[in-house]
Amino acid sequence: MEIKHLNDENFKEFIEQKELTVVDFFAQWCPPCKMLAPIMEEIAQEADGYQVAKIDIDQAIDIANEYGVMSIPTIIFYKEGQEIERLVGFRNKDELMDEIKKLK
């Protein structure tokens, strides 16, 4: 499965899915976000029982503010529209997969 690119119009609908949704809040200018991007791509390709998306905070300022994203990268895990976990800062693939397995 490919990473879904979210924006103001499709964010809420996407996170309201029944399955676990992993959302990477990022910015184009952020070095740790650039390091995380290929890891998120890999995780999305291996998706089984979860979906992966990313949202550029510079393009979706209102959503970033609404969800209290103060630092990037921030990865928020949602289930049925509710935040169930949040990780702030760069994480390696193993750490992210462990979190996904725990939350699925």
C-alpha atoms as a PDB file:
ATOM      1  CA  MET A   1       0.000   0.000   0.000  1.00  0.00           C
ATOM      2  CA  GLU A   2       1.253   3.498  -0.746  1.00  0.00           C
ATOM      3  CA  ILE A   3       1.411   6.381   1.677  1.00  0.00           C
ATOM      4  CA  LYS A   4      -1.674   8.556   1.419  1.00  0.00           C
ATOM      5  CA  HIS A   5      -0.921  12.274   1.258  1.00  0.00           C
ATOM      6  CA  LEU A   6      -3.413  14.113   3.429  1.00  0.00           C
ATOM      7  CA  ASN A   7      -4.622  17.699   3.439  1.00  0.00           C
ATOM      8  CA  ASP A   8      -7.323  19.822   5.075  1.00  0.00           C
ATOM      9  CA  GLU A   9     -10.027  18.248   2.911  1.00  0.00           C
ATOM     10  CA  ASN A  10      -9.332  14.541   3.430  1.00  0.00           C
ATOM     11  CA  PHE A  11      -7.651  14.329   6.856  1.00  0.00           C
ATOM     12  CA  LYS A  12     -10.658  13.730   9.135  1.00  0.00           C
ATOM     13  CA  GLU A  13     -12.270  11.175   6.823  1.00  0.00           C
ATOM     14  CA  PHE A  14      -9.010   9.231   6.516  1.00  0.00           C
ATOM     15  CA  ILE A  15      -8.317   8.970  10.265  1.00  0.00           C
ATOM     16  CA  GLU A  16     -11.868   7.809  11.002  1.00  0.00           C
ATOM     17  CA  GLN A  17     -11.200   4.384   9.480  1.00  0.00           C
ATOM     18  CA  LYS A  18     -11.673   1.340  11.702  1.00  0.00           C
ATOM     19  CA  GLU A  19      -8.149   0.074  11.153  1.00  0.00           C
ATOM     20  CA  LEU A  20      -5.081   1.606  12.746  1.00  0.00           C
ATOM     21  CA  THR A  21      -3.985   4.764  10.942  1.00  0.00           C
ATOM     22  CA  VAL A  22      -0.401   6.007  11.228  1.00  0.00           C
ATOM     23  CA  VAL A  23       0.030   9.679  10.310  1.00  0.00           C
ATOM     24  CA  ASP A  24       3.423  11.333   9.863  1.00  0.00           C
ATOM     25  CA  PHE A  25       3.238  15.092  10.473  1.00  0.00           C
ATOM     26  CA  PHE A  26       6.245  16.535   8.622  1.00  0.00           C
ATOM     27  CA  ALA A  27       7.685  19.546   6.789  1.00  0.00           C
ATOM     28  CA  GLN A  28       9.750  19.643   3.600  1.00  0.00           C
ATOM     29  CA  TRP A  29      12.508  21.682   5.285  1.00  0.00           C
ATOM     30  CA  CYS A  30      12.918  19.335   8.290  1.00  0.00           C
ATOM     31  CA  PRO A  31      16.088  17.120   8.176  1.00  0.00           C
ATOM     32  CA  PRO A  32      14.772  14.425  10.594  1.00  0.00           C
ATOM     33  CA  CYS A  33      11.560  14.308   8.532  1.00  0.00           C
ATOM     34  CA  LYS A  34      13.629  13.651   5.407  1.00  0.00           C
ATOM     35  CA  MET A  35      15.411  10.802   7.218  1.00  0.00           C
ATOM     36  CA  LEU A  36      12.061   9.356   8.292  1.00  0.00           C
ATOM     37  CA  ALA A  37      10.440   9.527   4.828  1.00  0.00           C
ATOM     38  CA  PRO A  38      11.957   6.322   3.349  1.00  0.00           C
ATOM     39  CA  ILE A  39      11.191   4.433   6.567  1.00  0.00           C
ATOM     40  CA  MET A  40       7.549   5.496   6.375  1.00  0.00           C
ATOM     41  CA  GLU A  41       7.483   4.386   2.712  1.00  0.00           C
ATOM     42  CA  GLU A  42       8.742   0.931   3.732  1.00  0.00           C
ATOM     43  CA  ILE A  43       6.219   0.675   6.546  1.00  0.00           C
ATOM     44  CA  ALA A  44       3.427   1.640   4.151  1.00  0.00           C
ATOM     45  CA  GLN A  45       4.537  -1.002   1.619  1.00  0.00           C
ATOM     46  CA  GLU A  46       4.351  -3.657   4.352  1.00  0.00           C
ATOM     47  CA  ALA A  47       0.965  -2.463   5.669  1.00  0.00           C
ATOM     48  CA  ASP A  48      -1.165  -5.291   7.006  1.00  0.00           C
ATOM     49  CA  GLY A  49      -4.031  -4.252   9.234  1.00  0.00           C
ATOM     50  CA  TYR A  50      -3.026  -0.594   9.260  1.00  0.00           C
ATOM     51  CA  GLN A  51      -2.724   2.330   6.852  1.00  0.00           C
ATOM     52  CA  VAL A  52      -0.048   5.010   6.586  1.00  0.00           C
ATOM     53  CA  ALA A  53      -0.388   8.672   5.679  1.00  0.00           C
ATOM     54  CA  LYS A  54       1.582  11.870   5.898  1.00  0.00           C
ATOM     55  CA  ILE A  55       0.588  15.496   6.161  1.00  0.00           C
ATOM     56  CA  ASP A  56       2.752  18.545   5.512  1.00  0.00           C
ATOM     57  CA  ILE A  57       2.244  20.910   8.448  1.00  0.00           C
ATOM     58  CA  ASP A  58       3.110  23.914   6.285  1.00  0.00           C
ATOM     59  CA  GLN A  59       0.216  23.046   3.976  1.00  0.00           C
ATOM     60  CA  ALA A  60      -2.178  22.088   6.798  1.00  0.00           C
ATOM     61  CA  ILE A  61      -1.446  24.577   9.558  1.00  0.00           C
ATOM     62  CA  ASP A  62      -4.964  24.382  11.020  1.00  0.00           C
ATOM     63  CA  ILE A  63      -4.804  20.592  11.402  1.00  0.00           C
ATOM     64  CA  ALA A  64      -1.330  20.742  12.963  1.00  0.00           C
ATOM     65  CA  ASN A  65      -2.633  23.318  15.458  1.00  0.00           C
ATOM     66  CA  GLU A  66      -5.846  21.392  16.142  1.00  0.00           C
ATOM     67  CA  TYR A  67      -3.883  18.243  16.994  1.00  0.00           C
ATOM     68  CA  GLY A  68      -1.221  20.070  18.992  1.00  0.00           C
ATOM     69  CA  VAL A  69       1.722  19.211  16.752  1.00  0.00           C
ATOM     70  CA  MET A  70       4.524  21.348  18.190  1.00  0.00           C
ATOM     71  CA  SER A  71       7.612  19.480  16.959  1.00  0.00           C
ATOM     72  CA  ILE A  72       8.291  17.473  13.837  1.00  0.00           C
ATOM     73  CA  PRO A  73       8.398  14.776  12.901  1.00  0.00           C
ATOM     74  CA  THR A  74       5.400  13.751  14.987  1.00  0.00           C
ATOM     75  CA  ILE A  75       3.745  10.407  14.310  1.00  0.00           C
ATOM     76  CA  ILE A  76       0.208  10.072  15.606  1.00  0.00           C
ATOM     77  CA  PHE A  77      -1.631   6.757  15.693  1.00  0.00           C
ATOM     78  CA  TYR A  78      -5.410   6.894  15.275  1.00  0.00           C
ATOM     79  CA  LYS A  79      -8.205   4.372  15.503  1.00  0.00           C
ATOM     80  CA  GLU A  80     -11.735   5.368  14.479  1.00  0.00           C
ATOM     81  CA  GLY A  81     -10.735   9.038  14.547  1.00  0.00           C
ATOM     82  CA  GLN A  82      -9.293   8.936  18.068  1.00  0.00           C
ATOM     83  CA  GLU A  83      -5.625   9.482  18.854  1.00  0.00           C
ATOM     84  CA  ILE A  84      -4.317   6.427  20.691  1.00  0.00           C
ATOM     85  CA  GLU A  85      -0.567   7.119  20.724  1.00  0.00           C
ATOM     86  CA  ARG A  86       1.948   9.782  19.709  1.00  0.00           C
ATOM     87  CA  LEU A  87       5.673   9.644  19.019  1.00  0.00           C
ATOM     88  CA  VAL A  88       7.685  12.853  18.657  1.00  0.00           C
ATOM     89  CA  GLY A  89      11.040  12.899  16.893  1.00  0.00           C
ATOM     90  CA  PHE A  90      12.819  10.517  14.577  1.00  0.00           C
ATOM     91  CA  ARG A  91      12.241   6.798  15.149  1.00  0.00           C
ATOM     92  CA  ASN A  92      13.840   3.876  13.346  1.00  0.00           C
ATOM     93  CA  LYS A  93      11.801   1.239  11.540  1.00  0.00           C
ATOM     94  CA  ASP A  94      11.996  -1.329  14.354  1.00  0.00           C
ATOM     95  CA  GLU A  95      10.666   1.154  16.905  1.00  0.00           C
ATOM     96  CA  LEU A  96       7.783   2.126  14.621  1.00  0.00           C
ATOM     97  CA  MET A  97       6.893  -1.471  13.768  1.00  0.00           C
ATOM     98  CA  ASP A  98       6.929  -2.421  17.466  1.00  0.00           C
ATOM     99  CA  GLU A  99       4.495   0.404  18.172  1.00  0.00           C
ATOM    100  CA  ILE A 100       2.242  -0.611  15.260  1.00  0.00           C
ATOM    101  CA  LYS A 101       2.173  -4.252  16.407  1.00  0.00           C
ATOM    102  CA  LYS A 102       1.310  -3.147  19.939  1.00  0.00           C
ATOM    103  CA  LEU A 103      -1.572  -0.937  18.774  1.00  0.00           C
ATOM    104  CA  LYS A 104      -3.127  -3.085  15.999  1.00  0.00           C
END
